[in-house]
């Protein structure tokens, strides 16, 4: 049941992100990190939170999420995407 709640939160976060409602996406991604990070959602949540934060102009917050992703999950495809995001925003 817990994993299903995490999947639902991720779905809602992605829903907001693709519709460019980045502030709502950011809140959902961060709640996913806090409540379900250990359930296998950490990489997606960190990437989504970082990207959403950058989109709403919260560069430091976005950079923090993306750097945590790179540091903690360096071999993942999400970490590679995080590096590209940091580069494209002049943060790397």
PDB file of N, CA and C in Angstrom:
ATOM      1  N   UNK A   1       0.828  -1.198   0.000  1.00  0.00           N
ATOM      2  CA  UNK A   1       0.000   0.000   0.000  1.00  0.00           C
ATOM      3  C   UNK A   1       0.874   1.265   0.000  1.00  0.00           C
ATOM      4  N   UNK A   2       1.996   1.197   0.749  1.00  0.00           N
ATOM      5  CA  UNK A   2       2.883   2.366   0.834  1.00  0.00           C
ATOM      6  C   UNK A   2       3.491   2.688  -0.530  1.00  0.00           C
ATOM      7  N   UNK A   3       3.937   1.664  -1.235  1.00  0.00           N
ATOM      8  CA  UNK A   3       4.534   1.887  -2.554  1.00  0.00           C
ATOM      9  C   UNK A   3       3.501   2.479  -3.520  1.00  0.00           C
ATOM     10  N   UNK A   4       2.273   2.041  -3.410  1.00  0.00           N
ATOM     11  CA  UNK A   4       1.217   2.571  -4.274  1.00  0.00           C
ATOM     12  C   UNK A   4       0.985   4.059  -4.010  1.00  0.00           C
ATOM     13  N   UNK A   5       1.068   4.480  -2.741  1.00  0.00           N
ATOM     14  CA  UNK A   5       0.923   5.911  -2.420  1.00  0.00           C
ATOM     15  C   UNK A   5       2.083   6.702  -3.008  1.00  0.00           C
ATOM     16  N   UNK A   6       3.276   6.121  -2.962  1.00  0.00           N
ATOM     17  CA  UNK A   6       4.428   6.770  -3.569  1.00  0.00           C
ATOM     18  C   UNK A   6       4.272   6.897  -5.077  1.00  0.00           C
ATOM     19  N   UNK A   7       3.795   5.850  -5.700  1.00  0.00           N
ATOM     20  CA  UNK A   7       3.564   5.885  -7.154  1.00  0.00           C
ATOM     21  C   UNK A   7       2.519   6.941  -7.515  1.00  0.00           C
ATOM     22  N   UNK A   8       1.494   7.057  -6.699  1.00  0.00           N
ATOM     23  CA  UNK A   8       0.457   8.061  -6.937  1.00  0.00           C
ATOM     24  C   UNK A   8       1.041   9.475  -6.813  1.00  0.00           C
ATOM     25  N   UNK A   9       1.852   9.693  -5.796  1.00  0.00           N
ATOM     26  CA  UNK A   9       2.482  11.009  -5.604  1.00  0.00           C
ATOM     27  C   UNK A   9       3.394  11.341  -6.787  1.00  0.00           C
ATOM     28  N   UNK A  10       4.161  10.346  -7.259  1.00  0.00           N
ATOM     29  CA  UNK A  10       5.028  10.549  -8.423  1.00  0.00           C
ATOM     30  C   UNK A  10       4.201  10.878  -9.664  1.00  0.00           C
ATOM     31  N   UNK A  11       3.110  10.166  -9.865  1.00  0.00           N
ATOM     32  CA  UNK A  11       2.227  10.415 -11.010  1.00  0.00           C
ATOM     33  C   UNK A  11       1.709  11.857 -10.977  1.00  0.00           C
ATOM     34  N   UNK A  12       1.267  12.303  -9.807  1.00  0.00           N
ATOM     35  CA  UNK A  12       0.727  13.661  -9.677  1.00  0.00           C
ATOM     36  C   UNK A  12       1.824  14.699  -9.912  1.00  0.00           C
ATOM     37  N   UNK A  13       3.025  14.443  -9.394  1.00  0.00           N
ATOM     38  CA  UNK A  13       4.142  15.364  -9.608  1.00  0.00           C
ATOM     39  C   UNK A  13       4.454  15.497 -11.099  1.00  0.00           C
ATOM     40  N   UNK A  14       4.511  14.364 -11.796  1.00  0.00           N
ATOM     41  CA  UNK A  14       4.779  14.391 -13.244  1.00  0.00           C
ATOM     42  C   UNK A  14       3.647  15.095 -13.990  1.00  0.00           C
ATOM     43  N   UNK A  15       2.417  14.869 -13.568  1.00  0.00           N
ATOM     44  CA  UNK A  15       1.247  15.519 -14.158  1.00  0.00           C
ATOM     45  C   UNK A  15       1.413  17.041 -14.124  1.00  0.00           C
ATOM     46  N   UNK A  16       1.769  17.569 -12.954  1.00  0.00           N
ATOM     47  CA  UNK A  16       1.977  19.007 -12.823  1.00  0.00           C
ATOM     48  C   UNK A  16       3.166  19.483 -13.654  1.00  0.00           C
ATOM     49  N   UNK A  17       4.248  18.709 -13.648  1.00  0.00           N
ATOM     50  CA  UNK A  17       5.449  19.131 -14.360  1.00  0.00           C
ATOM     51  C   UNK A  17       5.194  19.254 -15.865  1.00  0.00           C
ATOM     52  N   UNK A  18       4.571  18.254 -16.474  1.00  0.00           N
ATOM     53  CA  UNK A  18       4.351  18.304 -17.923  1.00  0.00           C
ATOM     54  C   UNK A  18       3.365  19.407 -18.311  1.00  0.00           C
ATOM     55  N   UNK A  19       2.550  19.837 -17.360  1.00  0.00           N
ATOM     56  CA  UNK A  19       1.615  20.932 -17.613  1.00  0.00           C
ATOM     57  C   UNK A  19       2.196  22.288 -17.208  1.00  0.00           C
ATOM     58  N   UNK A  20       3.497  22.262 -16.879  1.00  0.00           N
ATOM     59  CA  UNK A  20       4.250  23.464 -16.524  1.00  0.00           C
ATOM     60  C   UNK A  20       3.716  24.175 -15.287  1.00  0.00           C
ATOM     61  N   UNK A  21       3.159  23.397 -14.362  1.00  0.00           N
ATOM     62  CA  UNK A  21       2.721  23.920 -13.063  1.00  0.00           C
ATOM     63  C   UNK A  21       3.829  23.523 -12.080  1.00  0.00           C
ATOM     64  N   UNK A  22       4.969  24.190 -12.250  1.00  0.00           N
ATOM     65  CA  UNK A  22       6.200  23.758 -11.601  1.00  0.00           C
ATOM     66  C   UNK A  22       6.182  23.906 -10.082  1.00  0.00           C
ATOM     67  N   UNK A  23       5.506  24.927  -9.571  1.00  0.00           N
ATOM     68  CA  UNK A  23       5.479  25.086  -8.116  1.00  0.00           C
ATOM     69  C   UNK A  23       4.762  23.910  -7.443  1.00  0.00           C
ATOM     70  N   UNK A  24       3.671  23.455  -8.035  1.00  0.00           N
ATOM     71  CA  UNK A  24       2.951  22.296  -7.496  1.00  0.00           C
ATOM     72  C   UNK A  24       3.756  21.012  -7.686  1.00  0.00           C
ATOM     73  N   UNK A  25       4.430  20.902  -8.822  1.00  0.00           N
ATOM     74  CA  UNK A  25       5.281  19.732  -9.063  1.00  0.00           C
ATOM     75  C   UNK A  25       6.393  19.666  -8.023  1.00  0.00           C
ATOM     76  N   UNK A  26       7.013  20.807  -7.749  1.00  0.00           N
ATOM     77  CA  UNK A  26       8.097  20.863  -6.770  1.00  0.00           C
ATOM     78  C   UNK A  26       7.632  20.367  -5.406  1.00  0.00           C
ATOM     79  N   UNK A  27       6.483  20.827  -4.967  1.00  0.00           N
ATOM     80  CA  UNK A  27       5.956  20.384  -3.668  1.00  0.00           C
ATOM     81  C   UNK A  27       5.721  18.875  -3.642  1.00  0.00           C
ATOM     82  N   UNK A  28       5.199  18.339  -4.723  1.00  0.00           N
ATOM     83  CA  UNK A  28       4.931  16.890  -4.781  1.00  0.00           C
ATOM     84  C   UNK A  28       6.229  16.090  -4.801  1.00  0.00           C
ATOM     85  N   UNK A  29       7.188  16.535  -5.613  1.00  0.00           N
ATOM     86  CA  UNK A  29       8.468  15.821  -5.659  1.00  0.00           C
ATOM     87  C   UNK A  29       9.150  15.844  -4.293  1.00  0.00           C
ATOM     88  N   UNK A  30       9.113  16.985  -3.615  1.00  0.00           N
ATOM     89  CA  UNK A  30       9.747  17.063  -2.302  1.00  0.00           C
ATOM     90  C   UNK A  30       9.005  16.221  -1.264  1.00  0.00           C
ATOM     91  N   UNK A  31       7.688  16.151  -1.354  1.00  0.00           N
ATOM     92  CA  UNK A  31       6.952  15.293  -0.422  1.00  0.00           C
ATOM     93  C   UNK A  31       7.255  13.823  -0.713  1.00  0.00           C
ATOM     94  N   UNK A  32       7.479  13.502  -1.959  1.00  0.00           N
ATOM     95  CA  UNK A  32       7.866  12.141  -2.334  1.00  0.00           C
ATOM     96  C   UNK A  32       9.226  11.794  -1.724  1.00  0.00           C
ATOM     97  N   UNK A  33      10.145  12.735  -1.772  1.00  0.00           N
ATOM     98  CA  UNK A  33      11.467  12.533  -1.161  1.00  0.00           C
ATOM     99  C   UNK A  33      11.362  12.290   0.333  1.00  0.00           C
ATOM    100  N   UNK A  34      10.578  13.101   0.993  1.00  0.00           N
ATOM    101  CA  UNK A  34      10.462  13.005   2.452  1.00  0.00           C
ATOM    102  C   UNK A  34       9.703  11.759   2.892  1.00  0.00           C
ATOM    103  N   UNK A  35       8.669  11.419   2.172  1.00  0.00           N
ATOM    104  CA  UNK A  35       7.822  10.314   2.614  1.00  0.00           C
ATOM    105  C   UNK A  35       8.132   8.969   2.001  1.00  0.00           C
ATOM    106  N   UNK A  36       8.742   8.981   0.806  1.00  0.00           N
ATOM    107  CA  UNK A  36       8.901   7.715   0.088  1.00  0.00           C
ATOM    108  C   UNK A  36      10.280   7.547  -0.548  1.00  0.00           C
ATOM    109  N   UNK A  37      11.241   8.364  -0.147  1.00  0.00           N
ATOM    110  CA  UNK A  37      12.572   8.302  -0.745  1.00  0.00           C
ATOM    111  C   UNK A  37      13.216   6.928  -0.640  1.00  0.00           C
ATOM    112  N   UNK A  38      12.949   6.236   0.436  1.00  0.00           N
ATOM    113  CA  UNK A  38      13.538   4.913   0.629  1.00  0.00           C
ATOM    114  C   UNK A  38      12.784   3.821  -0.120  1.00  0.00           C
ATOM    115  N   UNK A  39      11.715   4.182  -0.768  1.00  0.00           N
ATOM    116  CA  UNK A  39      10.902   3.201  -1.495  1.00  0.00           C
ATOM    117  C   UNK A  39      11.306   3.080  -2.963  1.00  0.00           C
ATOM    118  N   UNK A  40      12.450   3.645  -3.321  1.00  0.00           N
ATOM    119  CA  UNK A  40      12.919   3.547  -4.697  1.00  0.00           C
ATOM    120  C   UNK A  40      12.538   4.726  -5.571  1.00  0.00           C
ATOM    121  N   UNK A  41      12.070   5.793  -4.974  1.00  0.00           N
ATOM    122  CA  UNK A  41      11.651   6.961  -5.744  1.00  0.00           C
ATOM    123  C   UNK A  41      12.665   8.109  -5.696  1.00  0.00           C
ATOM    124  N   UNK A  42      13.766   7.917  -4.996  1.00  0.00           N
ATOM    125  CA  UNK A  42      14.689   9.026  -4.732  1.00  0.00           C
ATOM    126  C   UNK A  42      15.248   9.663  -5.998  1.00  0.00           C
ATOM    127  N   UNK A  43      15.706   8.860  -6.948  1.00  0.00           N
ATOM    128  CA  UNK A  43      16.327   9.461  -8.135  1.00  0.00           C
ATOM    129  C   UNK A  43      15.331  10.293  -8.936  1.00  0.00           C
ATOM    130  N   UNK A  44      14.141   9.757  -9.138  1.00  0.00           N
ATOM    131  CA  UNK A  44      13.118  10.492  -9.891  1.00  0.00           C
ATOM    132  C   UNK A  44      12.668  11.742  -9.138  1.00  0.00           C
ATOM    133  N   UNK A  45      12.545  11.603  -7.818  1.00  0.00           N
ATOM    134  CA  UNK A  45      12.090  12.732  -7.006  1.00  0.00           C
ATOM    135  C   UNK A  45      13.134  13.840  -6.964  1.00  0.00           C
ATOM    136  N   UNK A  46      14.414  13.487  -6.811  1.00  0.00           N
ATOM    137  CA  UNK A  46      15.471  14.502  -6.792  1.00  0.00           C
ATOM    138  C   UNK A  46      15.568  15.223  -8.130  1.00  0.00           C
ATOM    139  N   UNK A  47      15.500  14.461  -9.220  1.00  0.00           N
ATOM    140  CA  UNK A  47      15.569  15.078 -10.547  1.00  0.00           C
ATOM    141  C   UNK A  47      14.368  15.988 -10.780  1.00  0.00           C
ATOM    142  N   UNK A  48      13.185  15.505 -10.469  1.00  0.00           N
ATOM    143  CA  UNK A  48      11.981  16.307 -10.655  1.00  0.00           C
ATOM    144  C   UNK A  48      11.970  17.551  -9.787  1.00  0.00           C
ATOM    145  N   UNK A  49      12.386  17.402  -8.532  1.00  0.00           N
ATOM    146  CA  UNK A  49      12.426  18.549  -7.626  1.00  0.00           C
ATOM    147  C   UNK A  49      13.451  19.568  -8.111  1.00  0.00           C
ATOM    148  N   UNK A  50      14.609  19.089  -8.536  1.00  0.00           N
ATOM    149  CA  UNK A  50      15.645  19.997  -9.029  1.00  0.00           C
ATOM    150  C   UNK A  50      15.206  20.753 -10.263  1.00  0.00           C
ATOM    151  N   UNK A  51      14.643  20.038 -11.214  1.00  0.00           N
ATOM    152  CA  UNK A  51      14.178  20.669 -12.449  1.00  0.00           C
ATOM    153  C   UNK A  51      13.039  21.650 -12.177  1.00  0.00           C
ATOM    154  N   UNK A  52      12.113  21.263 -11.320  1.00  0.00           N
ATOM    155  CA  UNK A  52      10.986  22.133 -10.984  1.00  0.00           C
ATOM    156  C   UNK A  52      11.460  23.406 -10.296  1.00  0.00           C
ATOM    157  N   UNK A  53      12.387  23.254  -9.358  1.00  0.00           N
ATOM    158  CA  UNK A  53      12.916  24.421  -8.646  1.00  0.00           C
ATOM    159  C   UNK A  53      13.592  25.382  -9.614  1.00  0.00           C
ATOM    160  N   UNK A  54      14.361  24.853 -10.552  1.00  0.00           N
ATOM    161  CA  UNK A  54      15.008  25.719 -11.543  1.00  0.00           C
ATOM    162  C   UNK A  54      13.965  26.453 -12.380  1.00  0.00           C
ATOM    163  N   UNK A  55      12.895  25.774 -12.715  1.00  0.00           N
ATOM    164  CA  UNK A  55      11.848  26.384 -13.542  1.00  0.00           C
ATOM    165  C   UNK A  55      11.127  27.525 -12.827  1.00  0.00           C
ATOM    166  N   UNK A  56      11.025  27.452 -11.507  1.00  0.00           N
ATOM    167  CA  UNK A  56      10.354  28.540 -10.767  1.00  0.00           C
ATOM    168  C   UNK A  56      11.345  29.585 -10.274  1.00  0.00           C
ATOM    169  N   UNK A  57      12.600  29.460 -10.716  1.00  0.00           N
ATOM    170  CA  UNK A  57      13.602  30.465 -10.377  1.00  0.00           C
ATOM    171  C   UNK A  57      14.297  30.270  -9.046  1.00  0.00           C
ATOM    172  N   UNK A  58      14.131  29.109  -8.436  1.00  0.00           N
ATOM    173  CA  UNK A  58      14.795  28.819  -7.165  1.00  0.00           C
ATOM    174  C   UNK A  58      16.078  28.037  -7.449  1.00  0.00           C
ATOM    175  N   UNK A  59      17.075  28.779  -7.946  1.00  0.00           N
ATOM    176  CA  UNK A  59      18.318  28.155  -8.405  1.00  0.00           C
ATOM    177  C   UNK A  59      19.038  27.381  -7.301  1.00  0.00           C
ATOM    178  N   UNK A  60      19.164  27.961  -6.120  1.00  0.00           N
ATOM    179  CA  UNK A  60      19.899  27.291  -5.032  1.00  0.00           C
ATOM    180  C   UNK A  60      19.200  25.991  -4.629  1.00  0.00           C
ATOM    181  N   UNK A  61      17.891  26.040  -4.557  1.00  0.00           N
ATOM    182  CA  UNK A  61      17.108  24.847  -4.186  1.00  0.00           C
ATOM    183  C   UNK A  61      17.242  23.773  -5.261  1.00  0.00           C
ATOM    184  N   UNK A  62      17.138  24.192  -6.521  1.00  0.00           N
ATOM    185  CA  UNK A  62      17.287  23.251  -7.622  1.00  0.00           C
ATOM    186  C   UNK A  62      18.676  22.641  -7.661  1.00  0.00           C
ATOM    187  N   UNK A  63      19.680  23.495  -7.483  1.00  0.00           N
ATOM    188  CA  UNK A  63      21.061  23.012  -7.490  1.00  0.00           C
ATOM    189  C   UNK A  63      21.293  22.012  -6.359  1.00  0.00           C
ATOM    190  N   UNK A  64      20.744  22.282  -5.196  1.00  0.00           N
ATOM    191  CA  UNK A  64      20.903  21.381  -4.051  1.00  0.00           C
ATOM    192  C   UNK A  64      20.351  19.988  -4.365  1.00  0.00           C
ATOM    193  N   UNK A  65      19.150  19.927  -4.921  1.00  0.00           N
ATOM    194  CA  UNK A  65      18.545  18.627  -5.260  1.00  0.00           C
ATOM    195  C   UNK A  65      19.365  17.901  -6.315  1.00  0.00           C
ATOM    196  N   UNK A  66      19.782  18.636  -7.348  1.00  0.00           N
ATOM    197  CA  UNK A  66      20.511  17.998  -8.443  1.00  0.00           C
ATOM    198  C   UNK A  66      21.889  17.523  -8.001  1.00  0.00           C
ATOM    199  N   UNK A  67      22.565  18.313  -7.175  1.00  0.00           N
ATOM    200  CA  UNK A  67      23.890  17.891  -6.686  1.00  0.00           C
ATOM    201  C   UNK A  67      23.766  16.694  -5.739  1.00  0.00           C
ATOM    202  N   UNK A  68      22.710  16.646  -4.950  1.00  0.00           N
ATOM    203  CA  UNK A  68      22.490  15.479  -4.094  1.00  0.00           C
ATOM    204  C   UNK A  68      22.271  14.233  -4.946  1.00  0.00           C
ATOM    205  N   UNK A  69      21.523  14.384  -6.015  1.00  0.00           N
ATOM    206  CA  UNK A  69      21.284  13.271  -6.936  1.00  0.00           C
ATOM    207  C   UNK A  69      22.598  12.774  -7.528  1.00  0.00           C
ATOM    208  N   UNK A  70      23.420  13.688  -8.008  1.00  0.00           N
ATOM    209  CA  UNK A  70      24.706  13.314  -8.612  1.00  0.00           C
ATOM    210  C   UNK A  70      25.610  12.650  -7.579  1.00  0.00           C
ATOM    211  N   UNK A  71      25.646  13.196  -6.382  1.00  0.00           N
ATOM    212  CA  UNK A  71      26.512  12.670  -5.315  1.00  0.00           C
ATOM    213  C   UNK A  71      26.043  11.276  -4.852  1.00  0.00           C
ATOM    214  N   UNK A  72      24.758  11.108  -4.680  1.00  0.00           N
ATOM    215  CA  UNK A  72      24.241   9.864  -4.096  1.00  0.00           C
ATOM    216  C   UNK A  72      23.988   8.751  -5.104  1.00  0.00           C
ATOM    217  N   UNK A  73      23.728   9.129  -6.357  1.00  0.00           N
ATOM    218  CA  UNK A  73      23.357   8.132  -7.375  1.00  0.00           C
ATOM    219  C   UNK A  73      24.143   8.383  -8.662  1.00  0.00           C
ATOM    220  N   UNK A  74      25.463   8.467  -8.535  1.00  0.00           N
ATOM    221  CA  UNK A  74      26.319   8.913  -9.638  1.00  0.00           C
ATOM    222  C   UNK A  74      26.217   8.073 -10.905  1.00  0.00           C
ATOM    223  N   UNK A  75      25.908   6.810 -10.803  1.00  0.00           N
ATOM    224  CA  UNK A  75      25.854   5.963 -11.989  1.00  0.00           C
ATOM    225  C   UNK A  75      24.506   5.929 -12.695  1.00  0.00           C
ATOM    226  N   UNK A  76      23.548   6.662 -12.183  1.00  0.00           N
ATOM    227  CA  UNK A  76      22.191   6.578 -12.739  1.00  0.00           C
ATOM    228  C   UNK A  76      22.006   7.498 -13.946  1.00  0.00           C
ATOM    229  N   UNK A  77      21.026   7.162 -14.752  1.00  0.00           N
ATOM    230  CA  UNK A  77      20.697   8.026 -15.897  1.00  0.00           C
ATOM    231  C   UNK A  77      20.159   9.367 -15.409  1.00  0.00           C
ATOM    232  N   UNK A  78      19.471   9.363 -14.270  1.00  0.00           N
ATOM    233  CA  UNK A  78      18.967  10.613 -13.707  1.00  0.00           C
ATOM    234  C   UNK A  78      20.111  11.539 -13.306  1.00  0.00           C
ATOM    235  N   UNK A  79      21.218  10.973 -12.802  1.00  0.00           N
ATOM    236  CA  UNK A  79      22.385  11.790 -12.441  1.00  0.00           C
ATOM    237  C   UNK A  79      22.990  12.439 -13.678  1.00  0.00           C
ATOM    238  N   UNK A  80      23.022  11.706 -14.788  1.00  0.00           N
ATOM    239  CA  UNK A  80      23.521  12.283 -16.040  1.00  0.00           C
ATOM    240  C   UNK A  80      22.628  13.437 -16.493  1.00  0.00           C
ATOM    241  N   UNK A  81      21.331  13.255 -16.388  1.00  0.00           N
ATOM    242  CA  UNK A  81      20.390  14.314 -16.740  1.00  0.00           C
ATOM    243  C   UNK A  81      20.569  15.513 -15.814  1.00  0.00           C
ATOM    244  N   UNK A  82      20.808  15.250 -14.536  1.00  0.00           N
ATOM    245  CA  UNK A  82      21.028  16.325 -13.559  1.00  0.00           C
ATOM    246  C   UNK A  82      22.257  17.143 -13.939  1.00  0.00           C
ATOM    247  N   UNK A  83      23.321  16.472 -14.354  1.00  0.00           N
ATOM    248  CA  UNK A  83      24.529  17.194 -14.777  1.00  0.00           C
ATOM    249  C   UNK A  83      24.234  18.097 -15.973  1.00  0.00           C
ATOM    250  N   UNK A  84      23.470  17.582 -16.911  1.00  0.00           N
ATOM    251  CA  UNK A  84      23.106  18.389 -18.082  1.00  0.00           C
ATOM    252  C   UNK A  84      22.269  19.611 -17.685  1.00  0.00           C
ATOM    253  N   UNK A  85      21.350  19.411 -16.753  1.00  0.00           N
ATOM    254  CA  UNK A  85      20.533  20.537 -16.271  1.00  0.00           C
ATOM    255  C   UNK A  85      21.391  21.592 -15.594  1.00  0.00           C
ATOM    256  N   UNK A  86      22.318  21.150 -14.758  1.00  0.00           N
ATOM    257  CA  UNK A  86      23.207  22.099 -14.085  1.00  0.00           C
ATOM    258  C   UNK A  86      24.044  22.867 -15.110  1.00  0.00           C
ATOM    259  N   UNK A  87      24.548  22.173 -16.119  1.00  0.00           N
ATOM    260  CA  UNK A  87      25.330  22.830 -17.174  1.00  0.00           C
ATOM    261  C   UNK A  87      24.486  23.849 -17.925  1.00  0.00           C
ATOM    262  N   UNK A  88      23.282  23.474 -18.295  1.00  0.00           N
ATOM    263  CA  UNK A  88      22.437  24.353 -19.097  1.00  0.00           C
ATOM    264  C   UNK A  88      21.988  25.588 -18.322  1.00  0.00           C
ATOM    265  N   UNK A  89      22.053  25.531 -16.995  1.00  0.00           N
ATOM    266  CA  UNK A  89      21.699  26.680 -16.166  1.00  0.00           C
ATOM    267  C   UNK A  89      22.937  27.394 -15.621  1.00  0.00           C
ATOM    268  N   UNK A  90      24.100  27.036 -16.152  1.00  0.00           N
ATOM    269  CA  UNK A  90      25.334  27.700 -15.751  1.00  0.00           C
ATOM    270  C   UNK A  90      25.758  27.401 -14.326  1.00  0.00           C
ATOM    271  N   UNK A  91      25.404  26.234 -13.805  1.00  0.00           N
ATOM    272  CA  UNK A  91      25.707  25.890 -12.428  1.00  0.00           C
ATOM    273  C   UNK A  91      26.780  24.811 -12.318  1.00  0.00           C
ATOM    274  N   UNK A  92      27.353  24.412 -13.447  1.00  0.00           N
ATOM    275  CA  UNK A  92      28.382  23.369 -13.406  1.00  0.00           C
ATOM    276  C   UNK A  92      29.557  23.770 -14.258  1.00  0.00           C
TER     277      UNK A  92
END
